[in-house]
Protein backbone atom coordinates (compact mmCIF):
# COMPACT_ATOMS: atom_id res chain seq x y z
CA MET A 1 222.36 163.33 94.58
CA SER A 2 218.43 162.10 96.00
CA SER A 3 218.66 157.80 95.64
CA ASP A 4 219.97 157.17 99.23
CA LEU A 5 219.12 160.20 101.48
CA ILE A 6 219.60 159.05 105.09
CA THR A 7 216.46 160.43 107.17
CA LEU A 8 217.55 159.79 111.15
CA ASP A 9 214.75 160.24 113.98
CA LEU A 10 215.55 163.66 115.50
CA GLY A 11 211.81 165.39 115.91
CA PRO A 12 210.65 166.41 119.05
CA HIS A 13 209.02 163.47 120.15
CA ALA A 14 212.21 162.17 122.09
CA ALA A 15 210.41 162.70 125.57
CA LEU A 16 208.44 158.87 124.20
CA ALA A 17 211.01 157.09 124.39
CA PRO A 18 211.19 155.90 127.89
CA SER A 19 207.67 154.54 127.88
CA ALA A 20 207.55 153.10 124.67
CA ALA A 21 207.85 149.27 124.38
CA PRO A 22 212.13 147.79 123.45
CA ILE A 23 213.23 148.40 119.77
CA ARG A 24 214.13 145.20 118.59
CA VAL A 25 216.02 144.71 115.94
CA HIS A 26 216.79 142.81 112.94
CA LYS A 27 218.23 141.57 109.53
CA ALA A 28 215.18 141.58 107.05
CA HIS A 29 213.36 139.24 105.87
CA LEU A 30 211.75 138.56 102.63
CA GLN A 31 208.45 139.14 104.49
CA ASP A 32 209.58 142.38 105.63
CA ALA A 33 209.70 143.55 102.06
CA ARG A 34 206.21 144.91 101.57
CA ASN A 35 207.03 147.83 104.91
CA ILE A 36 210.17 148.32 103.65
CA PHE A 37 208.32 149.08 99.91
CA ASP A 38 205.27 151.21 101.86
CA LEU A 39 207.73 153.18 103.59
CA VAL A 40 210.28 153.84 101.01
CA ASN A 41 208.64 155.19 98.65
CA SER A 42 206.20 157.68 100.62
CA PHE A 43 209.51 159.54 100.64
CA SER A 44 209.78 159.02 96.96
CA SER A 45 207.26 162.20 96.09
CA ASP A 46 209.39 165.04 97.08
CA GLY A 47 213.01 163.10 95.76
CA THR A 48 214.49 162.42 99.39
CA LEU A 49 214.38 158.18 98.41
CA LEU A 50 214.33 157.38 95.00
CA ARG A 51 211.25 155.60 93.91
CA ARG A 52 212.19 151.57 94.24
CA SER A 53 209.63 149.12 93.60
CA TYR A 54 208.89 146.34 94.88
CA ALA A 55 210.46 143.41 92.63
CA GLU A 56 214.25 145.39 93.51
CA ILE A 57 212.98 145.36 97.50
CA CYS A 58 212.55 141.62 97.30
CA GLU A 59 215.57 141.64 95.73
CA ASN A 60 217.51 143.23 97.91
CA VAL A 61 215.86 143.15 101.11
CA ARG A 62 219.02 141.23 102.53
CA ASP A 63 220.87 144.67 101.92
CA PHE A 64 218.33 145.98 104.78
CA THR A 65 217.31 146.13 108.90
CA VAL A 66 214.03 146.47 110.33
CA ALA A 67 213.10 147.83 113.23
CA TYR A 68 209.65 146.14 114.97
CA ARG A 69 208.34 146.68 118.64
CA THR A 70 205.72 144.52 120.11
CA ILE A 71 202.97 146.51 121.58
CA GLU A 72 199.17 146.22 122.28
CA ASN A 73 195.89 146.24 120.56
CA ARG A 74 193.26 148.21 121.82
CA GLU A 75 191.08 148.70 119.25
CA ASN A 76 190.60 145.79 117.61
CA PRO A 77 189.42 143.12 119.91
CA GLU A 78 188.85 140.57 117.62
CA ALA A 79 192.37 140.10 116.12
CA PRO A 80 195.33 138.91 118.59
CA ARG A 81 196.44 141.82 121.48
CA LEU A 82 199.77 141.79 120.84
CA GLU A 83 201.04 142.75 117.62
CA GLU A 84 203.63 143.67 115.57
CA ASP A 85 204.46 147.61 114.35
CA PHE A 86 206.80 148.12 112.02
CA LEU A 87 209.03 151.50 112.95
CA GLY A 88 211.35 151.54 109.89
CA CYS A 89 214.14 149.86 107.84
CA GLY A 90 218.09 150.76 107.02
CA ALA A 91 220.68 149.27 104.18
CA LEU A 92 224.36 148.42 104.50
CA HIS A 93 225.37 148.27 100.76
CA LEU A 94 228.03 145.97 100.39
CA TYR A 95 230.43 147.00 97.35
CA GLY A 96 233.49 145.00 98.80
CA PRO A 97 236.21 144.96 101.35
CA HIS A 98 236.92 147.81 100.78
CA LEU A 99 234.10 150.24 101.38
CA ALA A 100 230.01 149.49 102.88
CA GLU A 101 227.35 152.52 102.05
CA VAL A 102 225.03 152.74 104.15
CA ARG A 103 221.63 153.93 103.05
CA SER A 104 217.52 154.48 102.92
CA ILE A 105 217.53 154.70 106.63
CA VAL A 106 214.56 155.48 107.17
CA VAL A 107 211.82 155.93 109.86
CA ARG A 108 207.84 156.29 110.04
CA GLU A 109 206.38 159.73 110.51
CA ASP A 110 203.89 158.94 112.98
CA ARG A 111 207.47 156.57 115.44
CA ARG A 112 209.41 159.02 114.85
CA GLY A 113 211.73 160.33 118.56
CA LEU A 114 211.26 156.29 119.85
CA GLY A 115 215.23 155.96 118.82
CA ALA A 116 214.20 153.75 115.82
CA GLY A 117 216.66 154.95 113.51
CA ASP A 118 219.67 154.73 115.80
CA ALA A 119 218.76 151.75 116.67
CA ILE A 120 219.24 150.97 112.84
CA LEU A 121 222.24 153.09 111.70
CA GLU A 122 224.18 151.07 115.06
CA ALA A 123 223.00 148.03 113.72
CA LEU A 124 224.98 148.96 110.25
CA ILE A 125 227.40 149.61 111.75
CA ALA A 126 228.46 146.68 113.77
CA GLU A 127 227.24 145.12 110.61
CA ALA A 128 230.16 146.29 108.10
CA ASP A 129 232.52 145.69 110.86
CA GLU A 130 231.47 141.70 111.09
CA HIS A 131 232.39 142.42 107.34
CA GLU A 132 235.97 143.78 108.27
CA VAL A 133 234.99 146.45 105.64
CA ALA A 134 238.05 149.38 105.70
CA SER A 135 235.76 151.86 104.73
CA VAL A 136 231.49 152.73 105.48
CA CYS A 137 230.02 155.96 103.85
CA LEU A 138 226.99 157.70 103.70
CA PHE A 139 225.43 160.97 101.65
CA THR A 140 222.78 163.23 104.35
CA ARG A 141 221.31 166.72 104.39
CA ILE A 142 221.92 166.30 108.31
CA PRO A 143 226.09 165.57 108.42
CA ASP A 144 226.79 167.04 112.29
CA TYR A 145 224.53 164.18 113.68
CA PHE A 146 226.54 161.95 112.62
CA GLU A 147 230.15 163.01 113.57
CA HIS A 148 229.89 161.50 117.08
CA LEU A 149 229.93 158.03 115.29
CA GLY A 150 232.67 158.62 113.45
CA PHE A 151 231.71 159.83 110.83
CA ARG A 152 233.35 163.39 108.76
CA VAL A 153 233.13 164.98 105.82
CA ALA A 154 234.62 164.23 102.62
CA GLU A 155 234.51 164.51 99.09
CA ARG A 156 231.90 162.79 96.80
CA ASP A 157 234.33 162.11 94.26
CA ALA A 158 236.32 160.05 96.86
CA MET A 159 233.62 156.67 96.49
CA PRO A 160 233.93 156.60 92.62
CA ASP A 161 232.22 153.53 93.22
CA LYS A 162 229.15 155.13 94.61
CA ILE A 163 229.13 157.61 91.81
CA TYR A 164 229.05 154.93 88.89
CA LYS A 165 226.41 152.87 91.29
CA ASP A 166 223.78 155.31 91.62
CA CYS A 167 224.94 159.26 91.14
CA GLN A 168 225.41 158.42 86.89
CA THR A 169 221.43 158.64 86.74
CA CYS A 170 220.35 161.58 90.00
CA PRO A 171 219.36 164.50 88.04
CA ARG A 172 221.19 166.56 90.41
CA LEU A 173 224.06 165.24 89.73
CA TYR A 174 225.45 168.57 89.46
CA ALA A 175 223.87 170.40 91.85
CA CYS A 176 223.59 167.92 94.50
CA ASP A 177 223.18 169.21 98.22
CA GLU A 178 223.42 165.94 100.08
CA VAL A 179 227.10 166.10 102.40
CA ALA A 180 229.42 162.90 101.77
CA MET A 181 230.49 161.24 104.35
CA VAL A 182 233.18 158.82 105.72
CA ARG A 183 234.20 156.40 108.63
CA GLY A 184 237.94 154.72 108.48
CA PRO A 185 240.54 155.78 105.64
CA LEU A 186 239.25 157.05 102.41
CA PRO A 187 238.88 154.23 100.07
CA ASN A 188 241.56 153.05 97.65
CA VAL A 189 240.55 151.18 94.82
CA ALA A 190 237.53 151.15 93.40
CA VAL A 191 235.49 148.38 91.16
CA LEU A 192 232.48 149.32 89.71
CA GLY A 193 235.14 152.07 86.84
CA PRO A 194 238.04 154.31 87.21
CA ARG A 195 239.16 155.11 90.29
CA GLU A 196 238.86 159.60 88.33
CA VAL A 197 236.16 160.95 87.95
CA THR A 198 235.69 163.21 85.18
CA ARG A 199 232.97 165.31 85.43
CA PRO A 200 231.92 167.65 82.58
CA GLU A 201 234.00 171.12 82.06
CA LEU A 202 231.40 173.80 81.65
CA VAL A 203 232.04 175.83 77.96
CA GLN A 204 233.92 179.48 78.65
CA ILE A 205 231.64 182.00 76.30
CA ASN A 206 233.77 184.99 74.59
CA PRO A 207 230.60 187.06 73.88
CA LEU A 208 233.60 190.19 72.07
CA ALA A 209 235.17 187.27 69.83
CA PRO A 210 233.70 187.08 66.08
CA THR A 211 230.75 184.75 65.07
CA GLY A 212 231.70 184.10 62.00
CA THR A 213 234.58 183.00 59.60
CA ALA A 214 236.89 186.39 58.11
CA HIS A 215 237.70 186.14 53.94
């Protein structure tokens, strides 16, 4: 289910963080839509994230949180001396009081190791707590990282709202390499489909069975 893979900046450049400019994290504004659009779609060619249209980003911009820092511009003397440096983004999708999903956390490859991914994730968890959401889920290929933040591995079928919103249309629905995780109790209600997710059964073929009808 490659729709919303979590990809944090867990690179080898963490030593850069102490000397870097402070990171500011805030809810996205419409003016941030272009940066979000460019960054999210830069990870769509390899299937890490699904491609999103600019209109879709604008429509859902209030789901996003963004990270910036202020840096000194030393390359263009005609531009303002200080400029806003976009680092990354992430989103919190609310299904209802029972469930929210952390999704699309991604940091620019040339800005990894500064701690932006951690800062965005912590802001999204705080936002879910502010809404008093009972459960927060995510899908990732790096589950070990999220354990110290209170997430634990769960069955995908325990979040049917996620399945019906995104996964049903994913070509990797039944061959998913992402790990489902949840923070808080497993949701006991669903709003987008039946509580139980039905999976197709494989057809068992007996090679010794006759292929025609006996007369």
